[in-house]
Amino acid sequence: MVGFGEAISLYYRNFVNFEGRATRSEFWWPFLMQMIVHIGLMVAFVAMIDFAAAEGDEISRTSVNILIAWLLFWVMNILPNLSVAARRFHDLGQTGWMVLVFALLNAIIGVTWFAQMIWFAFQGTVGANQYGPDPFGYDTKVFG
């Protein structure tokens, strides 16, 4: 099993790698890290807005800087998110183009991200599939 640090490292090292497979850990640990950073930055932003409102001031420069940091963090993670999602679909035996399908459906319907998250919670294909060997190194052809 891939730990938190290793998963984050793999996430950023493979940010343009749309081939092969990614384990659940390679997807979920970076997802957790991103949620912590997003929530932290949003809490800091709201706190700065509330602080400025209590003082009777306009939005502070710090609030704007926090918002810019949040936006930069979000933009920096678009490509790695797409690549790890494609590799996660590969691990499930699906084409990586499913990322585009879900993105388009999410733009239209707005809730398909939930279905994708449920799908990504399932264990990947045991053994090799058309997208590569099992990330855990299992070989189903050992005995036959």
N, C-alpha and C. Protein backbone atom coordinates (compact mmCIF):
# COMPACT_ATOMS: atom_id res chain seq x y z
N MET A 1 0.84 -1.19 0.00
CA MET A 1 0.00 0.00 0.00
C MET A 1 0.89 1.25 0.00
N VAL A 2 0.49 2.22 -0.75
CA VAL A 2 1.23 3.48 -0.88
C VAL A 2 0.82 4.40 0.27
N GLY A 3 1.81 4.95 0.98
CA GLY A 3 1.53 5.86 2.08
C GLY A 3 1.29 7.29 1.58
N PHE A 4 0.97 8.16 2.54
CA PHE A 4 0.62 9.55 2.21
C PHE A 4 1.73 10.26 1.44
N GLY A 5 2.94 10.27 1.98
CA GLY A 5 4.05 10.98 1.34
C GLY A 5 4.40 10.44 -0.03
N GLU A 6 4.43 9.12 -0.14
CA GLU A 6 4.75 8.50 -1.42
C GLU A 6 3.65 8.77 -2.46
N ALA A 7 2.40 8.77 -2.01
CA ALA A 7 1.28 9.04 -2.93
C ALA A 7 1.36 10.47 -3.46
N ILE A 8 1.67 11.42 -2.59
CA ILE A 8 1.80 12.82 -3.03
C ILE A 8 2.96 12.95 -4.01
N SER A 9 4.06 12.26 -3.71
CA SER A 9 5.22 12.28 -4.60
C SER A 9 4.88 11.70 -5.97
N LEU A 10 4.20 10.55 -5.99
CA LEU A 10 3.79 9.94 -7.26
C LEU A 10 2.82 10.83 -8.03
N TYR A 11 1.94 11.49 -7.28
CA TYR A 11 0.94 12.38 -7.89
C TYR A 11 1.62 13.49 -8.68
N TYR A 12 2.63 14.13 -8.09
CA TYR A 12 3.29 15.24 -8.77
C TYR A 12 4.36 14.77 -9.76
N ARG A 13 5.00 13.63 -9.52
CA ARG A 13 5.98 13.12 -10.47
C ARG A 13 5.33 12.65 -11.76
N ASN A 14 4.11 12.13 -11.66
CA ASN A 14 3.40 11.59 -12.82
C ASN A 14 2.34 12.55 -13.34
N PHE A 15 2.56 13.85 -13.17
CA PHE A 15 1.51 14.81 -13.50
C PHE A 15 1.14 14.86 -14.97
N VAL A 16 1.99 14.37 -15.86
CA VAL A 16 1.64 14.31 -17.29
C VAL A 16 1.63 12.88 -17.81
N ASN A 17 1.62 11.92 -16.92
CA ASN A 17 1.61 10.52 -17.30
C ASN A 17 0.17 10.02 -17.33
N PHE A 18 -0.35 9.84 -18.53
CA PHE A 18 -1.72 9.37 -18.70
C PHE A 18 -1.76 7.89 -19.05
N GLU A 19 -0.62 7.21 -18.93
CA GLU A 19 -0.55 5.79 -19.25
C GLU A 19 -0.28 4.99 -17.98
N GLY A 20 -0.65 3.74 -18.01
CA GLY A 20 -0.44 2.89 -16.86
C GLY A 20 -1.62 2.95 -15.90
N ARG A 21 -1.35 2.54 -14.67
CA ARG A 21 -2.41 2.41 -13.69
C ARG A 21 -2.04 3.14 -12.40
N ALA A 22 -3.06 3.54 -11.65
CA ALA A 22 -2.87 4.19 -10.36
C ALA A 22 -3.75 3.49 -9.32
N THR A 23 -3.17 3.21 -8.17
CA THR A 23 -3.93 2.56 -7.10
C THR A 23 -4.88 3.55 -6.45
N ARG A 24 -5.75 3.02 -5.61
CA ARG A 24 -6.66 3.89 -4.87
C ARG A 24 -5.89 4.88 -4.02
N SER A 25 -4.80 4.43 -3.39
CA SER A 25 -4.00 5.32 -2.54
C SER A 25 -3.40 6.47 -3.33
N GLU A 26 -2.97 6.19 -4.55
CA GLU A 26 -2.39 7.24 -5.40
C GLU A 26 -3.41 8.30 -5.77
N PHE A 27 -4.69 7.94 -5.73
CA PHE A 27 -5.74 8.93 -6.00
C PHE A 27 -6.22 9.60 -4.72
N TRP A 28 -6.52 8.81 -3.69
CA TRP A 28 -7.19 9.34 -2.50
C TRP A 28 -6.30 10.15 -1.58
N TRP A 29 -5.02 9.82 -1.41
CA TRP A 29 -4.15 10.63 -0.55
C TRP A 29 -3.97 12.04 -1.12
N PRO A 30 -3.68 12.21 -2.41
CA PRO A 30 -3.62 13.58 -2.94
C PRO A 30 -4.97 14.30 -2.87
N PHE A 31 -6.06 13.57 -3.03
CA PHE A 31 -7.39 14.16 -2.89
C PHE A 31 -7.55 14.72 -1.48
N LEU A 32 -7.16 13.95 -0.47
CA LEU A 32 -7.24 14.42 0.92
C LEU A 32 -6.35 15.65 1.13
N MET A 33 -5.13 15.61 0.62
CA MET A 33 -4.22 16.74 0.74
C MET A 33 -4.82 17.99 0.12
N GLN A 34 -5.43 17.85 -1.05
CA GLN A 34 -6.03 19.00 -1.71
C GLN A 34 -7.22 19.55 -0.93
N MET A 35 -8.02 18.67 -0.37
CA MET A 35 -9.17 19.14 0.42
C MET A 35 -8.71 19.89 1.66
N ILE A 36 -7.66 19.40 2.30
CA ILE A 36 -7.12 20.09 3.49
C ILE A 36 -6.61 21.47 3.11
N VAL A 37 -5.86 21.57 2.01
CA VAL A 37 -5.33 22.86 1.58
C VAL A 37 -6.47 23.80 1.17
N HIS A 38 -7.43 23.30 0.40
CA HIS A 38 -8.56 24.14 -0.04
C HIS A 38 -9.35 24.65 1.16
N ILE A 39 -9.67 23.77 2.08
CA ILE A 39 -10.45 24.17 3.25
C ILE A 39 -9.65 25.14 4.11
N GLY A 40 -8.37 24.87 4.29
CA GLY A 40 -7.52 25.77 5.07
C GLY A 40 -7.46 27.17 4.48
N LEU A 41 -7.27 27.25 3.17
CA LEU A 41 -7.20 28.55 2.52
C LEU A 41 -8.55 29.27 2.55
N MET A 42 -9.63 28.54 2.39
CA MET A 42 -10.94 29.17 2.44
C MET A 42 -11.28 29.66 3.85
N VAL A 43 -10.91 28.89 4.88
CA VAL A 43 -11.13 29.33 6.26
C VAL A 43 -10.32 30.58 6.54
N ALA A 44 -9.07 30.60 6.08
CA ALA A 44 -8.23 31.79 6.26
C ALA A 44 -8.82 32.99 5.54
N PHE A 45 -9.33 32.78 4.34
CA PHE A 45 -9.93 33.87 3.55
C PHE A 45 -11.16 34.43 4.26
N VAL A 46 -12.03 33.55 4.71
CA VAL A 46 -13.25 33.99 5.40
C VAL A 46 -12.89 34.70 6.70
N ALA A 47 -11.89 34.19 7.41
CA ALA A 47 -11.46 34.83 8.65
C ALA A 47 -10.94 36.24 8.37
N MET A 48 -10.19 36.41 7.31
CA MET A 48 -9.67 37.74 6.96
C MET A 48 -10.81 38.68 6.56
N ILE A 49 -11.78 38.17 5.83
CA ILE A 49 -12.94 38.98 5.44
C ILE A 49 -13.71 39.41 6.70
N ASP A 50 -13.95 38.46 7.61
CA ASP A 50 -14.66 38.78 8.85
C ASP A 50 -13.88 39.78 9.69
N PHE A 51 -12.56 39.61 9.75
CA PHE A 51 -11.72 40.52 10.51
C PHE A 51 -11.79 41.93 9.92
N ALA A 52 -11.73 42.02 8.60
CA ALA A 52 -11.80 43.33 7.94
C ALA A 52 -13.17 43.96 8.15
N ALA A 53 -14.24 43.15 8.10
CA ALA A 53 -15.59 43.67 8.30
C ALA A 53 -15.77 44.17 9.73
N ALA A 54 -15.20 43.46 10.69
CA ALA A 54 -15.30 43.87 12.09
C ALA A 54 -14.58 45.19 12.33
N GLU A 55 -13.51 45.40 11.60
CA GLU A 55 -12.73 46.64 11.73
C GLU A 55 -13.33 47.77 10.89
N GLY A 56 -14.30 47.45 10.07
CA GLY A 56 -14.91 48.45 9.21
C GLY A 56 -14.09 48.78 7.98
N ASP A 57 -13.12 47.92 7.67
CA ASP A 57 -12.25 48.13 6.51
C ASP A 57 -12.79 47.39 5.29
N GLU A 58 -12.22 47.73 4.16
CA GLU A 58 -12.50 46.97 2.95
C GLU A 58 -11.68 45.68 2.98
N ILE A 59 -11.84 44.89 1.95
CA ILE A 59 -11.10 43.63 1.89
C ILE A 59 -9.60 43.92 1.91
N SER A 60 -8.90 43.22 2.77
CA SER A 60 -7.47 43.47 2.93
C SER A 60 -6.66 42.82 1.82
N ARG A 61 -5.42 43.27 1.70
CA ARG A 61 -4.49 42.70 0.72
C ARG A 61 -4.22 41.24 1.05
N THR A 62 -4.19 40.92 2.34
CA THR A 62 -3.96 39.53 2.75
C THR A 62 -5.08 38.63 2.25
N SER A 63 -6.31 39.11 2.32
CA SER A 63 -7.45 38.33 1.82
C SER A 63 -7.31 38.06 0.33
N VAL A 64 -6.92 39.06 -0.40
CA VAL A 64 -6.73 38.90 -1.84
C VAL A 64 -5.59 37.93 -2.13
N ASN A 65 -4.50 38.02 -1.35
CA ASN A 65 -3.37 37.10 -1.53
C ASN A 65 -3.77 35.66 -1.24
N ILE A 66 -4.60 35.47 -0.22
CA ILE A 66 -5.08 34.11 0.09
C ILE A 66 -5.93 33.58 -1.06
N LEU A 67 -6.78 34.43 -1.59
CA LEU A 67 -7.63 34.02 -2.72
C LEU A 67 -6.78 33.68 -3.94
N ILE A 68 -5.75 34.46 -4.19
CA ILE A 68 -4.84 34.19 -5.31
C ILE A 68 -4.10 32.88 -5.09
N ALA A 69 -3.65 32.62 -3.84
CA ALA A 69 -2.97 31.36 -3.53
C ALA A 69 -3.89 30.17 -3.76
N TRP A 70 -5.16 30.33 -3.36
CA TRP A 70 -6.13 29.25 -3.58
C TRP A 70 -6.30 28.99 -5.08
N LEU A 71 -6.44 30.05 -5.86
CA LEU A 71 -6.62 29.91 -7.30
C LEU A 71 -5.39 29.26 -7.95
N LEU A 72 -4.20 29.69 -7.56
CA LEU A 72 -2.97 29.10 -8.11
C LEU A 72 -2.86 27.63 -7.76
N PHE A 73 -3.18 27.28 -6.51
CA PHE A 73 -3.14 25.88 -6.09
C PHE A 73 -4.12 25.05 -6.92
N TRP A 74 -5.31 25.58 -7.14
CA TRP A 74 -6.32 24.88 -7.92
C TRP A 74 -5.83 24.67 -9.36
N VAL A 75 -5.29 25.71 -9.98
CA VAL A 75 -4.81 25.63 -11.37
C VAL A 75 -3.62 24.67 -11.46
N MET A 76 -2.72 24.71 -10.47
CA MET A 76 -1.55 23.84 -10.47
C MET A 76 -1.93 22.36 -10.44
N ASN A 77 -3.08 22.05 -9.92
CA ASN A 77 -3.47 20.66 -9.75
C ASN A 77 -4.43 20.15 -10.82
N ILE A 78 -4.77 20.95 -11.80
CA ILE A 78 -5.69 20.48 -12.85
C ILE A 78 -5.08 19.32 -13.63
N LEU A 79 -3.89 19.50 -14.17
CA LEU A 79 -3.26 18.45 -14.98
C LEU A 79 -2.95 17.20 -14.16
N PRO A 80 -2.37 17.32 -12.96
CA PRO A 80 -2.15 16.10 -12.17
C PRO A 80 -3.46 15.38 -11.84
N ASN A 81 -4.54 16.13 -11.58
CA ASN A 81 -5.83 15.50 -11.29
C ASN A 81 -6.34 14.72 -12.50
N LEU A 82 -6.21 15.30 -13.68
CA LEU A 82 -6.65 14.61 -14.89
C LEU A 82 -5.83 13.34 -15.14
N SER A 83 -4.52 13.43 -14.95
CA SER A 83 -3.67 12.27 -15.22
C SER A 83 -3.90 11.15 -14.21
N VAL A 84 -4.03 11.48 -12.92
CA VAL A 84 -4.25 10.42 -11.94
C VAL A 84 -5.64 9.82 -12.12
N ALA A 85 -6.62 10.62 -12.53
CA ALA A 85 -7.96 10.09 -12.78
C ALA A 85 -7.94 9.13 -13.98
N ALA A 86 -7.21 9.49 -15.03
CA ALA A 86 -7.10 8.60 -16.20
C ALA A 86 -6.43 7.29 -15.80
N ARG A 87 -5.36 7.37 -15.02
CA ARG A 87 -4.67 6.15 -14.59
C ARG A 87 -5.54 5.33 -13.63
N ARG A 88 -6.37 6.02 -12.84
CA ARG A 88 -7.29 5.31 -11.94
C ARG A 88 -8.35 4.57 -12.75
N PHE A 89 -8.86 5.19 -13.81
CA PHE A 89 -9.79 4.50 -14.69
C PHE A 89 -9.11 3.30 -15.34
N HIS A 90 -7.85 3.45 -15.74
CA HIS A 90 -7.11 2.33 -16.31
C HIS A 90 -7.03 1.18 -15.32
N ASP A 91 -6.81 1.49 -14.05
CA ASP A 91 -6.71 0.45 -13.03
C ASP A 91 -8.03 -0.30 -12.89
N LEU A 92 -9.12 0.38 -13.18
CA LEU A 92 -10.45 -0.24 -13.12
C LEU A 92 -10.84 -0.93 -14.42
N GLY A 93 -9.90 -0.93 -15.39
CA GLY A 93 -10.16 -1.60 -16.67
C GLY A 93 -10.94 -0.75 -17.65
N GLN A 94 -11.00 0.55 -17.42
CA GLN A 94 -11.75 1.46 -18.28
C GLN A 94 -10.77 2.35 -19.06
N THR A 95 -11.26 2.96 -20.10
CA THR A 95 -10.44 3.89 -20.86
C THR A 95 -10.25 5.19 -20.09
N GLY A 96 -9.11 5.83 -20.27
CA GLY A 96 -8.83 7.10 -19.63
C GLY A 96 -9.71 8.23 -20.14
N TRP A 97 -10.31 8.03 -21.30
CA TRP A 97 -11.21 9.04 -21.85
C TRP A 97 -12.46 9.23 -21.00
N MET A 98 -12.67 8.33 -20.06
CA MET A 98 -13.81 8.48 -19.14
C MET A 98 -13.68 9.77 -18.33
N VAL A 99 -12.46 10.25 -18.15
CA VAL A 99 -12.25 11.53 -17.45
C VAL A 99 -12.98 12.64 -18.20
N LEU A 100 -12.83 12.65 -19.52
CA LEU A 100 -13.51 13.66 -20.34
C LEU A 100 -15.03 13.48 -20.29
N VAL A 101 -15.48 12.25 -20.33
CA VAL A 101 -16.93 11.98 -20.25
C VAL A 101 -17.49 12.53 -18.95
N PHE A 102 -16.82 12.23 -17.84
CA PHE A 102 -17.30 12.72 -16.55
C PHE A 102 -17.20 14.24 -16.45
N ALA A 103 -16.16 14.83 -17.02
CA ALA A 103 -16.03 16.29 -16.99
C ALA A 103 -17.18 16.95 -17.76
N LEU A 104 -17.49 16.41 -18.92
CA LEU A 104 -18.59 16.98 -19.71
C LEU A 104 -19.93 16.77 -19.02
N LEU A 105 -20.15 15.58 -18.49
CA LEU A 105 -21.40 15.33 -17.76
C LEU A 105 -21.52 16.21 -16.52
N ASN A 106 -20.41 16.41 -15.85
CA ASN A 106 -20.43 17.27 -14.66
C ASN A 106 -20.75 18.71 -15.03
N ALA A 107 -20.28 19.15 -16.19
CA ALA A 107 -20.58 20.51 -16.64
C ALA A 107 -22.07 20.67 -16.95
N ILE A 108 -22.69 19.59 -17.39
CA ILE A 108 -24.11 19.63 -17.75
C ILE A 108 -24.99 19.34 -16.53
N ILE A 109 -24.70 18.25 -15.83
CA ILE A 109 -25.55 17.79 -14.73
C ILE A 109 -25.09 18.34 -13.39
N GLY A 110 -23.79 18.34 -13.16
CA GLY A 110 -23.25 18.93 -11.94
C GLY A 110 -23.07 18.00 -10.76
N VAL A 111 -23.48 16.74 -10.88
CA VAL A 111 -23.34 15.82 -9.74
C VAL A 111 -22.61 14.53 -10.11
N THR A 112 -22.10 14.43 -11.30
CA THR A 112 -21.46 13.19 -11.71
C THR A 112 -20.13 12.97 -11.00
N TRP A 113 -19.55 14.02 -10.41
CA TRP A 113 -18.31 13.85 -9.64
C TRP A 113 -18.54 12.85 -8.51
N PHE A 114 -19.75 12.83 -7.96
CA PHE A 114 -20.08 11.90 -6.88
C PHE A 114 -20.00 10.46 -7.37
N ALA A 115 -20.55 10.19 -8.54
CA ALA A 115 -20.49 8.84 -9.12
C ALA A 115 -19.04 8.44 -9.41
N GLN A 116 -18.25 9.39 -9.89
CA GLN A 116 -16.84 9.10 -10.17
C GLN A 116 -16.10 8.78 -8.88
N MET A 117 -16.37 9.49 -7.81
CA MET A 117 -15.70 9.23 -6.53
C MET A 117 -16.07 7.84 -6.00
N ILE A 118 -17.31 7.45 -6.17
CA ILE A 118 -17.73 6.10 -5.75
C ILE A 118 -16.99 5.06 -6.58
N TRP A 119 -16.93 5.28 -7.89
CA TRP A 119 -16.24 4.35 -8.78
C TRP A 119 -14.77 4.21 -8.39
N PHE A 120 -14.14 5.32 -8.06
CA PHE A 120 -12.72 5.29 -7.70
C PHE A 120 -12.46 4.62 -6.35
N ALA A 121 -13.49 4.37 -5.58
CA ALA A 121 -13.33 3.69 -4.30
C ALA A 121 -13.22 2.17 -4.47
N PHE A 122 -13.60 1.67 -5.64
CA PHE A 122 -13.52 0.24 -5.89
C PHE A 122 -12.08 -0.19 -6.15
N GLN A 123 -11.80 -1.45 -5.80
CA GLN A 123 -10.48 -2.02 -6.06
C GLN A 123 -10.29 -2.17 -7.55
N GLY A 124 -9.06 -1.96 -7.99
CA GLY A 124 -8.74 -2.10 -9.41
C GLY A 124 -8.71 -3.55 -9.84
N THR A 125 -8.50 -3.76 -11.11
CA THR A 125 -8.40 -5.09 -11.68
C THR A 125 -7.21 -5.82 -11.08
N VAL A 126 -7.45 -7.02 -10.58
CA VAL A 126 -6.35 -7.83 -10.04
C VAL A 126 -5.60 -8.45 -11.21
N GLY A 127 -4.30 -8.32 -11.18
CA GLY A 127 -3.48 -8.81 -12.29
C GLY A 127 -3.39 -7.78 -13.40
N ALA A 128 -2.67 -8.13 -14.42
CA ALA A 128 -2.48 -7.21 -15.54
C ALA A 128 -3.78 -7.04 -16.32
N ASN A 129 -3.95 -5.86 -16.90
CA ASN A 129 -5.04 -5.63 -17.83
C ASN A 129 -4.46 -4.93 -19.06
N GLN A 130 -5.30 -4.48 -19.99
CA GLN A 130 -4.79 -3.90 -21.23
C GLN A 130 -4.01 -2.60 -21.01
N TYR A 131 -4.07 -2.03 -19.80
CA TYR A 131 -3.39 -0.77 -19.52
C TYR A 131 -2.08 -0.95 -18.77
N GLY A 132 -1.75 -2.17 -18.41
CA GLY A 132 -0.48 -2.40 -17.76
C GLY A 132 -0.56 -3.42 -16.65
N PRO A 133 0.58 -3.68 -16.02
CA PRO A 133 0.62 -4.66 -14.94
C PRO A 133 -0.07 -4.12 -13.68
N ASP A 134 -0.43 -5.04 -12.80
CA ASP A 134 -1.05 -4.67 -11.53
C ASP A 134 -0.06 -3.83 -10.72
N PRO A 135 -0.48 -2.64 -10.23
CA PRO A 135 0.43 -1.81 -9.44
C PRO A 135 0.92 -2.50 -8.17
N PHE A 136 0.16 -3.49 -7.68
CA PHE A 136 0.58 -4.21 -6.48
C PHE A 136 1.50 -5.38 -6.81
N GLY A 137 1.70 -5.64 -8.10
CA GLY A 137 2.62 -6.68 -8.52
C GLY A 137 2.04 -8.08 -8.51
N TYR A 138 0.71 -8.19 -8.37
CA TYR A 138 0.09 -9.51 -8.41
C TYR A 138 0.18 -10.09 -9.82
N ASP A 139 0.49 -11.35 -9.90
CA ASP A 139 0.51 -12.02 -11.19
C ASP A 139 -0.46 -13.19 -11.13
N THR A 140 -1.57 -13.05 -11.83
CA THR A 140 -2.61 -14.08 -11.79
C THR A 140 -2.21 -15.32 -12.59
N LYS A 141 -1.13 -15.28 -13.36
CA LYS A 141 -0.73 -16.40 -14.19
C LYS A 141 0.39 -17.22 -13.55
N VAL A 142 0.62 -17.04 -12.25
CA VAL A 142 1.69 -17.76 -11.57
C VAL A 142 1.46 -19.26 -11.61
N PHE A 143 0.20 -19.67 -11.41
CA PHE A 143 -0.09 -21.10 -11.32
C PHE A 143 -0.77 -21.65 -12.57
N GLY A 144 -0.78 -20.89 -13.60
CA GLY A 144 -1.43 -21.53 -14.70
C GLY A 144 -1.54 -20.80 -15.93
